Structures are given as C-alpha cells and as structure tokens.
Amino acid sequence: CYTIPSRWGDKMIKTPTRYLSMDPKLPNLSHLQQAAEILRKGGLVAFPTETVYGLGADALNPEAVEKIFIAKGRPNDNPLIVHVANPKDIKPLVRKIPDVATTLMELFWPGPLTLIFPKSDLVPNSVSAGLDTVGIRIPAHPVALALLKAARIPIAAPSANLSGRPSPTSATHVLKDLNGKIDAIIDGGKTSVGLESTVLDITGQVPTILRPGGVTYEQLEEVLGHVEMDPALIQPELNAALKPRAPGMKYTHYAPRAEIWIVVGTEEQVAKKLKSLVDENRAAGKRVGIMSTEEM
C-alpha cells in the first residue's frame, strides 16, 4: 500500500492506492474483503476481468459512480457497463428481460458480451448517461466473480485507464494511469482476451451490435440468425451530435501515443517498405510493432 501524488486540474489529490496482488486461480479472501468493503463505502477499485481491467464502483451509488468519471477524465454522457455475479442479479436492474436474452446468457455468460436492457429506476442516470437503457454482463474471470460475490452489489466498471488511452490488460497499466487517483488495484495477472466486451442491444426488433468486442458478429449470427451493426460503427460522424448508446462509440478509444504507418502496395512492395521502416526505427532506439496477415 503506497501513495503517489497525482494532479487533477490545478488541485493536488493525494489518495492512498492499495495494491492487492493475488493468484487468479486462488483469489486471496482477505484482499477481496478489503476491496469489497471499499466498494460498499463508495470507493473505487480496479480489478481484472477476462477482457481488460475495469474501474469499479457501486453501480447503485450515484456519488461513487461520479468518482469514476472524475478519476478517468471521462465525459459524463458516456454510459457505463454494470457487472453482476449471477443472472438473477439482473432482475432488480431492468424493466424487462427479453426471451432472446435468456438464450444469449446461457451461451455467452460468463463472458465478453454486454447486453443492453431497458433499465429500472434503481439504476442511477449517471450509470446510463441519461439513457433509459443499461448494459449488463457477467465477467468470466475468477477474481472479478469473487469480488462481485464478496461485495454483494452490482459494480459499474468501464476500463481502468485515463479516458482516450489504451485499455489496460495488466495491473501495471492501471498503475501508470490511475495510481493516486483511486482507492485500490487488484493485481490478478494479465487479462486473456485483451479487448473489451461486445455490446449488443436487444431492446429493439433486431439485435444490434453497438460495439464490437470479445464475442464476434459471426458467433452472434449463428445463434440469432440475423444481427445488425449500428450505422454509427460504419459512419462514426453520425455520433458527433448524438448521445452515445454504448461505451467507446463517440470518444477517442484505443489511442496509443505512438506514430502509426499504413503501408499499401503489392506484397513485395509492402514487405520491402515494412523492413525499411522497422530497421530505421529500431536503429533510432524505438520499439516497433507490425500488424499484418500470416501470408505477409
């Protein structure tokens, strides 16, 4: 447990951030109880899920939820996802559970699929960003599930990073962005998926993907027969004047602070140019990553 001063605006904030490390296969009960107590008292806890690390607060406590937006520097019109430990925990949070939801929950929960439901009055507007819907999922990570069970409350949790920065897949990433700004970090090792959950709206006639993620379009299509993609995924400019219907739709997301090159041409031209760029940047002492096909 240690404290590193951090700045928020022109005011210095000094928050002791507890670092709670545990084996994901055998979560530490004492550490989990500490983290659960922080959440019940309105604090913030970063914890691992199978997708990325989440920054959790009591989803039913508006003041606690507001702390998430402050710590991340997140616009408050960007809705949050609520995490629960069991499908039965959904009932108080929603007005209706469509039949299709039952099928999807049986097949994909616990897992990286967030379902959009019509929300009940129990869910604060700060969680839904003023929308009449709420996104809910059950994470497939032993530490996340153990924390949810220990806390005995639904946990609102976006990714545990500063808004606009890449989503964290390790506790070290969380420390870089949020140390000194939150109450505790649970280190449960690296995440397995490394990409956030798919957000699927099931409130309309046709299930619609609002955000691609850990469950693919093809997987959903195989189960549901017909799935649509939200038009804003194809034409991002449609989001400019609208309230986001799901996290990551309107504001900068997955934005590393790195120079990015797109290389276009024949296979031979691309290979030659890539090699040139790699050699040049490595010679300058830079780290280089390549996204390419197996053939290339």
C-alpha atoms as a PDB file:
ATOM      1  CA  CYS A   1       0.000   0.000   0.000  1.00  0.00           C
ATOM      2  CA  TYR A   2       1.588   3.270  -1.083  1.00  0.00           C
ATOM      3  CA  THR A   3       0.725   6.766  -2.193  1.00  0.00           C
ATOM      4  CA  ILE A   4       1.938   8.714  -5.196  1.00  0.00           C
ATOM      5  CA  PRO A   5       0.657  12.310  -5.517  1.00  0.00           C
ATOM      6  CA  SER A   6      -1.263  12.976  -8.718  1.00  0.00           C
ATOM      7  CA  ARG A   7      -2.802  16.072 -10.293  1.00  0.00           C
ATOM      8  CA  TRP A   8      -6.412  16.628 -11.271  1.00  0.00           C
ATOM      9  CA  GLY A   9      -6.798  20.066 -12.859  1.00  0.00           C
ATOM     10  CA  ASP A  10      -4.856  22.538 -10.687  1.00  0.00           C
ATOM     11  CA  LYS A  11      -5.698  20.772  -7.433  1.00  0.00           C
ATOM     12  CA  MET A  12      -3.297  18.240  -5.952  1.00  0.00           C
ATOM     13  CA  ILE A  13      -5.016  14.994  -4.969  1.00  0.00           C
ATOM     14  CA  LYS A  14      -3.342  12.561  -2.585  1.00  0.00           C
ATOM     15  CA  THR A  15      -5.168   9.255  -2.419  1.00  0.00           C
ATOM     16  CA  PRO A  16      -3.608   6.129  -0.910  1.00  0.00           C
ATOM     17  CA  THR A  17      -3.900   3.464  -3.584  1.00  0.00           C
ATOM     18  CA  ARG A  18      -3.772  -0.031  -2.114  1.00  0.00           C
ATOM     19  CA  TYR A  19      -2.059  -2.629  -4.272  1.00  0.00           C
ATOM     20  CA  LEU A  20      -3.651  -6.035  -3.685  1.00  0.00           C
ATOM     21  CA  SER A  21      -1.914  -8.857  -5.523  1.00  0.00           C
ATOM     22  CA  MET A  22      -3.397 -12.344  -5.801  1.00  0.00           C
ATOM     23  CA  ASP A  23      -3.257 -15.590  -7.723  1.00  0.00           C
ATOM     24  CA  PRO A  24      -6.257 -15.577 -10.109  1.00  0.00           C
ATOM     25  CA  LYS A  25      -6.656 -19.329  -9.632  1.00  0.00           C
ATOM     26  CA  LEU A  26      -6.822 -18.923  -5.845  1.00  0.00           C
ATOM     27  CA  PRO A  27      -8.063 -15.388  -5.011  1.00  0.00           C
ATOM     28  CA  ASN A  28      -6.944 -14.015  -1.645  1.00  0.00           C
ATOM     29  CA  LEU A  29     -10.066 -13.780   0.538  1.00  0.00           C
ATOM     30  CA  SER A  30      -8.607 -11.136   2.841  1.00  0.00           C
ATOM     31  CA  HIS A  31      -7.718  -8.866  -0.086  1.00  0.00           C
ATOM     32  CA  LEU A  32     -11.112  -9.433  -1.671  1.00  0.00           C
ATOM     33  CA  GLN A  33     -12.875  -8.440   1.538  1.00  0.00           C
ATOM     34  CA  GLN A  34     -10.784  -5.250   1.707  1.00  0.00           C
ATOM     35  CA  ALA A  35     -11.709  -4.375  -1.875  1.00  0.00           C
ATOM     36  CA  ALA A  36     -15.386  -5.255  -1.311  1.00  0.00           C
ATOM     37  CA  GLU A  37     -15.512  -3.004   1.748  1.00  0.00           C
ATOM     38  CA  ILE A  38     -14.034  -0.108  -0.263  1.00  0.00           C
ATOM     39  CA  LEU A  39     -16.728  -0.555  -2.906  1.00  0.00           C
ATOM     40  CA  ARG A  40     -19.556  -0.753  -0.381  1.00  0.00           C
ATOM     41  CA  LYS A  41     -18.303   2.505   1.200  1.00  0.00           C
ATOM     42  CA  GLY A  42     -18.372   4.324  -2.148  1.00  0.00           C
ATOM     43  CA  GLY A  43     -14.744   3.933  -3.209  1.00  0.00           C
ATOM     44  CA  LEU A  44     -13.084   2.921  -6.464  1.00  0.00           C
ATOM     45  CA  VAL A  45     -11.366  -0.419  -7.102  1.00  0.00           C
ATOM     46  CA  ALA A  46      -9.612  -1.524 -10.303  1.00  0.00           C
ATOM     47  CA  PHE A  47      -9.890  -5.261 -10.920  1.00  0.00           C
ATOM     48  CA  PRO A  48      -9.152  -7.781 -13.687  1.00  0.00           C
ATOM     49  CA  THR A  49     -11.759  -9.245 -15.996  1.00  0.00           C
ATOM     50  CA  GLU A  50     -11.192 -11.605 -18.919  1.00  0.00           C
ATOM     51  CA  THR A  51     -11.393  -8.637 -21.325  1.00  0.00           C
ATOM     52  CA  VAL A  52      -9.468  -5.737 -19.732  1.00  0.00           C
ATOM     53  CA  TYR A  53      -9.031  -4.298 -16.233  1.00  0.00           C
ATOM     54  CA  GLY A  54     -12.144  -2.483 -15.045  1.00  0.00           C
ATOM     55  CA  LEU A  55     -12.514   0.506 -12.709  1.00  0.00           C
ATOM     56  CA  GLY A  56     -15.345  -0.437 -10.378  1.00  0.00           C
ATOM     57  CA  ALA A  57     -17.778   1.464  -8.169  1.00  0.00           C
ATOM     58  CA  ASP A  58     -21.111   0.629  -6.542  1.00  0.00           C
ATOM     59  CA  ALA A  59     -23.497   0.866  -9.514  1.00  0.00           C
ATOM     60  CA  LEU A  60     -26.374   1.924  -7.251  1.00  0.00           C
ATOM     61  CA  ASN A  61     -24.470   4.777  -5.579  1.00  0.00           C
ATOM     62  CA  PRO A  62     -24.525   7.933  -7.780  1.00  0.00           C
ATOM     63  CA  GLU A  63     -21.740   9.626  -5.803  1.00  0.00           C
ATOM     64  CA  ALA A  64     -19.468   6.594  -6.178  1.00  0.00           C
ATOM     65  CA  VAL A  65     -20.246   6.386  -9.906  1.00  0.00           C
ATOM     66  CA  GLU A  66     -19.353  10.068 -10.320  1.00  0.00           C
ATOM     67  CA  LYS A  67     -15.872   9.309  -8.957  1.00  0.00           C
ATOM     68  CA  ILE A  68     -15.267   7.028 -11.952  1.00  0.00           C
ATOM     69  CA  PHE A  69     -15.804   9.912 -14.371  1.00  0.00           C
ATOM     70  CA  ILE A  70     -13.514  12.167 -12.345  1.00  0.00           C
ATOM     71  CA  ALA A  71     -10.685   9.634 -11.987  1.00  0.00           C
ATOM     72  CA  LYS A  72     -10.726   8.744 -15.693  1.00  0.00           C
ATOM     73  CA  GLY A  73     -11.450  12.238 -17.023  1.00  0.00           C
ATOM     74  CA  ARG A  74     -14.383  10.588 -18.793  1.00  0.00           C
ATOM     75  CA  PRO A  75     -17.249  12.606 -20.350  1.00  0.00           C
ATOM     76  CA  ASN A  76     -20.393  12.011 -18.320  1.00  0.00           C
ATOM     77  CA  ASP A  77     -22.516  11.360 -21.405  1.00  0.00           C
ATOM     78  CA  ASN A  78     -20.584   8.105 -21.922  1.00  0.00           C
ATOM     79  CA  PRO A  79     -22.584   5.218 -20.342  1.00  0.00           C
ATOM     80  CA  LEU A  80     -21.061   2.585 -18.065  1.00  0.00           C
ATOM     81  CA  ILE A  81     -21.456  -1.200 -18.049  1.00  0.00           C
ATOM     82  CA  VAL A  82     -22.801  -2.890 -14.929  1.00  0.00           C
ATOM     83  CA  HIS A  83     -21.195  -6.175 -13.826  1.00  0.00           C
ATOM     84  CA  VAL A  84     -23.086  -8.796 -11.829  1.00  0.00           C
ATOM     85  CA  ALA A  85     -22.200 -12.241 -10.486  1.00  0.00           C
ATOM     86  CA  ASN A  86     -25.378 -14.129 -11.388  1.00  0.00           C
ATOM     87  CA  PRO A  87     -28.186 -13.822 -13.988  1.00  0.00           C
ATOM     88  CA  LYS A  88     -30.748 -13.490 -11.169  1.00  0.00           C
ATOM     89  CA  ASP A  89     -28.988 -10.270 -10.094  1.00  0.00           C
ATOM     90  CA  ILE A  90     -30.280  -8.616 -13.279  1.00  0.00           C
ATOM     91  CA  LYS A  91     -33.963  -8.594 -12.327  1.00  0.00           C
ATOM     92  CA  PRO A  92     -33.921  -5.543  -9.997  1.00  0.00           C
ATOM     93  CA  LEU A  93     -31.874  -3.572 -12.545  1.00  0.00           C
ATOM     94  CA  VAL A  94     -34.128  -3.920 -15.602  1.00  0.00           C
ATOM     95  CA  ARG A  95     -37.773  -3.464 -16.562  1.00  0.00           C
ATOM     96  CA  LYS A  96     -37.865  -6.430 -18.911  1.00  0.00           C
ATOM     97  CA  ILE A  97     -35.760  -9.448 -19.850  1.00  0.00           C
ATOM     98  CA  PRO A  98     -36.472 -10.418 -23.491  1.00  0.00           C
ATOM     99  CA  ASP A  99     -36.567 -14.121 -24.368  1.00  0.00           C
ATOM    100  CA  VAL A 100     -33.507 -13.696 -26.586  1.00  0.00           C
ATOM    101  CA  ALA A 101     -31.546 -12.520 -23.535  1.00  0.00           C
ATOM    102  CA  THR A 102     -32.043 -15.861 -21.805  1.00  0.00           C
ATOM    103  CA  THR A 103     -30.584 -17.714 -24.793  1.00  0.00           C
ATOM    104  CA  LEU A 104     -27.604 -15.361 -25.021  1.00  0.00           C
ATOM    105  CA  MET A 105     -26.907 -15.514 -21.284  1.00  0.00           C
ATOM    106  CA  GLU A 106     -26.895 -19.309 -21.343  1.00  0.00           C
ATOM    107  CA  LEU A 107     -24.443 -19.418 -24.252  1.00  0.00           C
ATOM    108  CA  PHE A 108     -22.128 -16.468 -23.613  1.00  0.00           C
ATOM    109  CA  TRP A 109     -22.194 -15.722 -19.874  1.00  0.00           C
ATOM    110  CA  PRO A 110     -19.911 -15.540 -18.060  1.00  0.00           C
ATOM    111  CA  GLY A 111     -18.070 -13.928 -20.962  1.00  0.00           C
ATOM    112  CA  PRO A 112     -17.272 -10.841 -23.042  1.00  0.00           C
ATOM    113  CA  LEU A 113     -20.834  -9.989 -24.082  1.00  0.00           C
ATOM    114  CA  THR A 114     -22.708  -6.974 -22.708  1.00  0.00           C
ATOM    115  CA  LEU A 115     -26.471  -6.952 -23.223  1.00  0.00           C
ATOM    116  CA  ILE A 116     -28.496  -3.742 -23.361  1.00  0.00           C
ATOM    117  CA  PHE A 117     -31.754  -3.873 -21.361  1.00  0.00           C
ATOM    118  CA  PRO A 118     -34.464  -1.293 -20.556  1.00  0.00           C
ATOM    119  CA  LYS A 119     -33.263  -0.061 -17.167  1.00  0.00           C
ATOM    120  CA  SER A 120     -35.248   0.116 -13.945  1.00  0.00           C
ATOM    121  CA  ASP A 121     -35.441   3.210 -11.735  1.00  0.00           C
ATOM    122  CA  LEU A 122     -32.955   1.528  -9.393  1.00  0.00           C
ATOM    123  CA  VAL A 123     -30.104   2.246 -11.823  1.00  0.00           C
ATOM    124  CA  PRO A 124     -28.844   5.851 -11.455  1.00  0.00           C
ATOM    125  CA  ASN A 125     -28.904   8.085 -14.515  1.00  0.00           C
ATOM    126  CA  SER A 126     -25.170   8.625 -14.064  1.00  0.00           C
ATOM    127  CA  VAL A 127     -24.618   4.953 -14.967  1.00  0.00           C
ATOM    128  CA  SER A 128     -26.777   5.072 -18.097  1.00  0.00           C
ATOM    129  CA  ALA A 129     -25.694   8.624 -19.025  1.00  0.00           C
ATOM    130  CA  GLY A 130     -29.364   9.617 -19.045  1.00  0.00           C
ATOM    131  CA  LEU A 131     -30.462   6.818 -21.384  1.00  0.00           C
ATOM    132  CA  ASP A 132     -33.434   4.611 -20.495  1.00  0.00           C
ATOM    133  CA  THR A 133     -31.281   1.507 -21.057  1.00  0.00           C
ATOM    134  CA  VAL A 134     -28.403  -0.154 -19.210  1.00  0.00           C
ATOM    135  CA  GLY A 135     -25.628  -2.506 -20.325  1.00  0.00           C
ATOM    136  CA  ILE A 136     -25.038  -5.571 -18.115  1.00  0.00           C
ATOM    137  CA  ARG A 137     -22.662  -8.527 -18.228  1.00  0.00           C
ATOM    138  CA  ILE A 138     -21.147 -11.308 -16.103  1.00  0.00           C
ATOM    139  CA  PRO A 139     -17.334 -11.353 -16.408  1.00  0.00           C
ATOM    140  CA  ALA A 140     -15.521 -14.658 -16.975  1.00  0.00           C
ATOM    141  CA  HIS A 141     -12.656 -14.074 -14.540  1.00  0.00           C
ATOM    142  CA  PRO A 142     -12.325 -15.777 -11.148  1.00  0.00           C
ATOM    143  CA  VAL A 143     -11.126 -12.605  -9.396  1.00  0.00           C
ATOM    144  CA  ALA A 144     -13.919 -10.442 -10.848  1.00  0.00           C
ATOM    145  CA  LEU A 145     -16.563 -13.006  -9.918  1.00  0.00           C
ATOM    146  CA  ALA A 146     -15.134 -13.441  -6.427  1.00  0.00           C
ATOM    147  CA  LEU A 147     -15.114  -9.666  -5.920  1.00  0.00           C
ATOM    148  CA  LEU A 148     -18.724  -9.329  -7.086  1.00  0.00           C
ATOM    149  CA  LYS A 149     -19.802 -12.079  -4.688  1.00  0.00           C
ATOM    150  CA  ALA A 150     -17.846 -10.552  -1.798  1.00  0.00           C
ATOM    151  CA  ALA A 151     -19.186  -7.036  -2.442  1.00  0.00           C
ATOM    152  CA  ARG A 152     -22.804  -8.224  -2.857  1.00  0.00           C
ATOM    153  CA  ILE A 153     -23.593  -5.228  -5.085  1.00  0.00           C
ATOM    154  CA  PRO A 154     -23.671  -4.648  -8.847  1.00  0.00           C
ATOM    155  CA  ILE A 155     -20.456  -2.960  -9.962  1.00  0.00           C
ATOM    156  CA  ALA A 156     -20.334  -0.278 -12.662  1.00  0.00           C
ATOM    157  CA  ALA A 157     -16.973  -0.574 -14.384  1.00  0.00           C
ATOM    158  CA  PRO A 158     -15.513   0.951 -17.535  1.00  0.00           C
ATOM    159  CA  SER A 159     -11.894   0.173 -18.449  1.00  0.00           C
ATOM    160  CA  ALA A 160      -9.390   1.253 -15.772  1.00  0.00           C
ATOM    161  CA  ASN A 161      -7.468   3.822 -17.793  1.00  0.00           C
ATOM    162  CA  LEU A 162      -7.490   7.550 -18.405  1.00  0.00           C
ATOM    163  CA  SER A 163     -10.148   8.416 -20.959  1.00  0.00           C
ATOM    164  CA  GLY A 164      -8.822   8.065 -24.502  1.00  0.00           C
ATOM    165  CA  ARG A 165      -5.831   5.934 -23.533  1.00  0.00           C
ATOM    166  CA  PRO A 166      -5.466   2.241 -24.480  1.00  0.00           C
ATOM    167  CA  SER A 167      -7.419  -0.136 -22.271  1.00  0.00           C
ATOM    168  CA  PRO A 168      -5.281  -1.846 -19.591  1.00  0.00           C
ATOM    169  CA  THR A 169      -4.550  -5.560 -19.769  1.00  0.00           C
ATOM    170  CA  SER A 170      -2.366  -5.651 -16.628  1.00  0.00           C
ATOM    171  CA  ALA A 171      -2.271  -4.011 -13.203  1.00  0.00           C
ATOM    172  CA  THR A 172       0.927  -2.204 -14.262  1.00  0.00           C
ATOM    173  CA  HIS A 173      -1.037  -0.410 -16.989  1.00  0.00           C
ATOM    174  CA  VAL A 174      -3.609   0.673 -14.398  1.00  0.00           C
ATOM    175  CA  LEU A 175      -0.902   1.988 -12.090  1.00  0.00           C
ATOM    176  CA  LYS A 176       0.522   4.161 -14.871  1.00  0.00           C
ATOM    177  CA  ASP A 177      -2.789   5.905 -15.451  1.00  0.00           C
ATOM    178  CA  LEU A 178      -4.638   5.873 -12.134  1.00  0.00           C
ATOM    179  CA  ASN A 179      -2.200   5.423  -9.254  1.00  0.00           C
ATOM    180  CA  GLY A 180      -3.029   8.019  -6.598  1.00  0.00           C
ATOM    181  CA  LYS A 181      -6.481   8.641  -8.100  1.00  0.00           C
ATOM    182  CA  ILE A 182      -8.308   5.502  -6.924  1.00  0.00           C
ATOM    183  CA  ASP A 183      -8.571   3.558  -3.681  1.00  0.00           C
ATOM    184  CA  ALA A 184      -7.256   0.135  -4.680  1.00  0.00           C
ATOM    185  CA  ILE A 185      -5.940  -2.023  -7.513  1.00  0.00           C
ATOM    186  CA  ILE A 186      -6.334  -5.800  -7.518  1.00  0.00           C
ATOM    187  CA  ASP A 187      -3.499  -7.407  -9.469  1.00  0.00           C
ATOM    188  CA  GLY A 188      -4.822 -10.695 -10.822  1.00  0.00           C
ATOM    189  CA  GLY A 189      -2.336 -11.072 -13.661  1.00  0.00           C
ATOM    190  CA  LYS A 190      -2.754 -10.300 -17.350  1.00  0.00           C
ATOM    191  CA  THR A 191      -6.164 -10.469 -18.988  1.00  0.00           C
ATOM    192  CA  SER A 192      -6.831 -13.222 -21.520  1.00  0.00           C
ATOM    193  CA  VAL A 193      -9.000 -11.503 -24.164  1.00  0.00           C
ATOM    194  CA  GLY A 194      -7.339  -8.078 -24.180  1.00  0.00           C
ATOM    195  CA  LEU A 195     -10.313  -6.499 -25.963  1.00  0.00           C
ATOM    196  CA  GLU A 196     -13.456  -5.114 -24.388  1.00  0.00           C
ATOM    197  CA  SER A 197     -16.811  -6.858 -24.438  1.00  0.00           C
ATOM    198  CA  THR A 198     -19.157  -6.795 -27.402  1.00  0.00           C
ATOM    199  CA  VAL A 199     -22.165  -4.572 -26.674  1.00  0.00           C
ATOM    200  CA  LEU A 200     -25.422  -5.950 -28.089  1.00  0.00           C
ATOM    201  CA  ASP A 201     -28.698  -4.005 -27.986  1.00  0.00           C
ATOM    202  CA  ILE A 202     -31.620  -6.410 -27.573  1.00  0.00           C
ATOM    203  CA  THR A 203     -34.276  -3.791 -26.848  1.00  0.00           C
ATOM    204  CA  GLY A 204     -35.429  -3.471 -30.470  1.00  0.00           C
ATOM    205  CA  GLN A 205     -36.857  -5.787 -33.112  1.00  0.00           C
ATOM    206  CA  VAL A 206     -33.431  -6.876 -34.381  1.00  0.00           C
ATOM    207  CA  PRO A 207     -30.396  -7.450 -32.108  1.00  0.00           C
ATOM    208  CA  THR A 208     -27.869  -4.729 -32.945  1.00  0.00           C
ATOM    209  CA  ILE A 209     -24.145  -4.610 -32.214  1.00  0.00           C
ATOM    210  CA  LEU A 210     -23.298  -1.209 -30.745  1.00  0.00           C
ATOM    211  CA  ARG A 211     -19.645  -2.037 -30.065  1.00  0.00           C
ATOM    212  CA  PRO A 212     -17.597  -4.936 -31.491  1.00  0.00           C
ATOM    213  CA  GLY A 213     -15.590  -6.882 -28.928  1.00  0.00           C
ATOM    214  CA  GLY A 214     -14.776 -10.297 -27.488  1.00  0.00           C
ATOM    215  CA  VAL A 215     -17.834 -12.056 -28.980  1.00  0.00           C
ATOM    216  CA  THR A 216     -17.845 -11.876 -32.781  1.00  0.00           C
ATOM    217  CA  TYR A 217     -20.584 -10.944 -35.237  1.00  0.00           C
ATOM    218  CA  GLU A 218     -20.358 -14.479 -36.669  1.00  0.00           C
ATOM    219  CA  GLN A 219     -20.884 -16.092 -33.248  1.00  0.00           C
ATOM    220  CA  LEU A 220     -23.972 -13.970 -32.617  1.00  0.00           C
ATOM    221  CA  GLU A 221     -25.318 -14.508 -36.135  1.00  0.00           C
ATOM    222  CA  GLU A 222     -25.018 -18.276 -35.699  1.00  0.00           C
ATOM    223  CA  VAL A 223     -27.247 -18.107 -32.617  1.00  0.00           C
ATOM    224  CA  LEU A 224     -29.655 -15.318 -33.557  1.00  0.00           C
ATOM    225  CA  GLY A 225     -29.911 -15.763 -37.322  1.00  0.00           C
ATOM    226  CA  HIS A 226     -29.917 -12.048 -38.082  1.00  0.00           C
ATOM    227  CA  VAL A 227     -27.808  -9.406 -36.380  1.00  0.00           C
ATOM    228  CA  GLU A 228     -27.339  -5.792 -37.426  1.00  0.00           C
ATOM    229  CA  MET A 229     -24.386  -3.463 -36.961  1.00  0.00           C
ATOM    230  CA  ASP A 230     -25.158   0.004 -35.631  1.00  0.00           C
ATOM    231  CA  PRO A 231     -24.805   2.509 -38.530  1.00  0.00           C
ATOM    232  CA  ALA A 232     -22.511   4.645 -36.359  1.00  0.00           C
ATOM    233  CA  LEU A 233     -19.885   1.859 -36.468  1.00  0.00           C
ATOM    234  CA  ILE A 234     -19.650   2.346 -40.234  1.00  0.00           C
ATOM    235  CA  GLN A 235     -20.189   6.120 -40.222  1.00  0.00           C
ATOM    236  CA  PRO A 236     -18.614   7.456 -36.990  1.00  0.00           C
ATOM    237  CA  GLU A 237     -19.617  11.007 -37.931  1.00  0.00           C
ATOM    238  CA  LEU A 238     -23.209  10.037 -37.055  1.00  0.00           C
ATOM    239  CA  ASN A 239     -22.154  10.040 -33.384  1.00  0.00           C
ATOM    240  CA  ALA A 240     -20.936  13.632 -33.366  1.00  0.00           C
ATOM    241  CA  ALA A 241     -24.197  15.215 -32.248  1.00  0.00           C
ATOM    242  CA  LEU A 242     -25.727  12.176 -30.532  1.00  0.00           C
ATOM    243  CA  LYS A 243     -25.636  10.807 -27.008  1.00  0.00           C
ATOM    244  CA  PRO A 244     -23.541   7.587 -27.087  1.00  0.00           C
ATOM    245  CA  ARG A 245     -25.650   4.412 -26.856  1.00  0.00           C
ATOM    246  CA  ALA A 246     -22.664   2.352 -25.683  1.00  0.00           C
ATOM    247  CA  PRO A 247     -19.165   2.970 -24.311  1.00  0.00           C
ATOM    248  CA  GLY A 248     -16.463   3.747 -26.861  1.00  0.00           C
ATOM    249  CA  MET A 249     -18.831   4.945 -29.604  1.00  0.00           C
ATOM    250  CA  LYS A 250     -18.305   8.702 -29.567  1.00  0.00           C
ATOM    251  CA  TYR A 251     -14.965   9.485 -27.988  1.00  0.00           C
ATOM    252  CA  THR A 252     -11.379   8.561 -28.823  1.00  0.00           C
ATOM    253  CA  HIS A 253     -10.763   4.931 -27.931  1.00  0.00           C
ATOM    254  CA  TYR A 254      -7.719   2.646 -28.185  1.00  0.00           C
ATOM    255  CA  ALA A 255      -5.446   5.617 -28.856  1.00  0.00           C
ATOM    256  CA  PRO A 256      -1.784   4.770 -28.210  1.00  0.00           C
ATOM    257  CA  ARG A 257       0.708   7.625 -28.090  1.00  0.00           C
ATOM    258  CA  ALA A 258       2.730   6.307 -30.990  1.00  0.00           C
ATOM    259  CA  GLU A 259       3.436   7.109 -34.615  1.00  0.00           C
ATOM    260  CA  ILE A 260       1.451   4.822 -36.922  1.00  0.00           C
ATOM    261  CA  TRP A 261       2.288   3.945 -40.531  1.00  0.00           C
ATOM    262  CA  ILE A 262      -0.114   2.348 -43.011  1.00  0.00           C
ATOM    263  CA  VAL A 263       1.727   0.641 -45.846  1.00  0.00           C
ATOM    264  CA  VAL A 264      -0.139  -0.025 -49.109  1.00  0.00           C
ATOM    265  CA  GLY A 265       1.072  -1.815 -52.238  1.00  0.00           C
ATOM    266  CA  THR A 266       1.876  -5.220 -53.658  1.00  0.00           C
ATOM    267  CA  GLU A 267       3.112  -7.912 -51.274  1.00  0.00           C
ATOM    268  CA  GLU A 268       6.698  -7.292 -52.398  1.00  0.00           C
ATOM    269  CA  GLN A 269       6.391  -3.508 -52.038  1.00  0.00           C
ATOM    270  CA  VAL A 270       4.768  -3.759 -48.617  1.00  0.00           C
ATOM    271  CA  ALA A 271       7.344  -6.262 -47.342  1.00  0.00           C
ATOM    272  CA  LYS A 272      10.214  -4.089 -48.550  1.00  0.00           C
ATOM    273  CA  LYS A 273       8.766  -0.903 -47.046  1.00  0.00           C
ATOM    274  CA  LEU A 274       7.951  -2.613 -43.731  1.00  0.00           C
ATOM    275  CA  LYS A 275      11.501  -3.916 -43.422  1.00  0.00           C
ATOM    276  CA  SER A 276      12.833  -0.435 -44.165  1.00  0.00           C
ATOM    277  CA  LEU A 277      10.596   1.170 -41.524  1.00  0.00           C
ATOM    278  CA  VAL A 278      11.452  -1.463 -38.916  1.00  0.00           C
ATOM    279  CA  ASP A 279      15.203  -1.153 -39.498  1.00  0.00           C
ATOM    280  CA  GLU A 280      15.077   2.639 -39.484  1.00  0.00           C
ATOM    281  CA  ASN A 281      13.054   2.934 -36.278  1.00  0.00           C
ATOM    282  CA  ARG A 282      14.933   0.208 -34.398  1.00  0.00           C
ATOM    283  CA  ALA A 283      18.191   1.940 -35.305  1.00  0.00           C
ATOM    284  CA  ALA A 284      16.730   5.058 -33.663  1.00  0.00           C
ATOM    285  CA  GLY A 285      16.118   3.043 -30.469  1.00  0.00           C
ATOM    286  CA  LYS A 286      12.356   2.762 -30.898  1.00  0.00           C
ATOM    287  CA  ARG A 287      10.115  -0.247 -30.275  1.00  0.00           C
ATOM    288  CA  VAL A 288       8.242  -1.371 -33.387  1.00  0.00           C
ATOM    289  CA  GLY A 289       5.073  -3.443 -33.776  1.00  0.00           C
ATOM    290  CA  ILE A 290       3.653  -4.812 -37.027  1.00  0.00           C
ATOM    291  CA  MET A 291       0.029  -5.711 -37.695  1.00  0.00           C
ATOM    292  CA  SER A 292      -0.141  -7.943 -40.723  1.00  0.00           C
ATOM    293  CA  THR A 293      -1.570 -11.139 -42.196  1.00  0.00           C
ATOM    294  CA  GLU A 294       0.015 -14.589 -41.864  1.00  0.00           C
ATOM    295  CA  GLU A 295       0.730 -14.526 -45.602  1.00  0.00           C
ATOM    296  CA  MET A 296       2.660 -11.282 -45.313  1.00  0.00           C
END
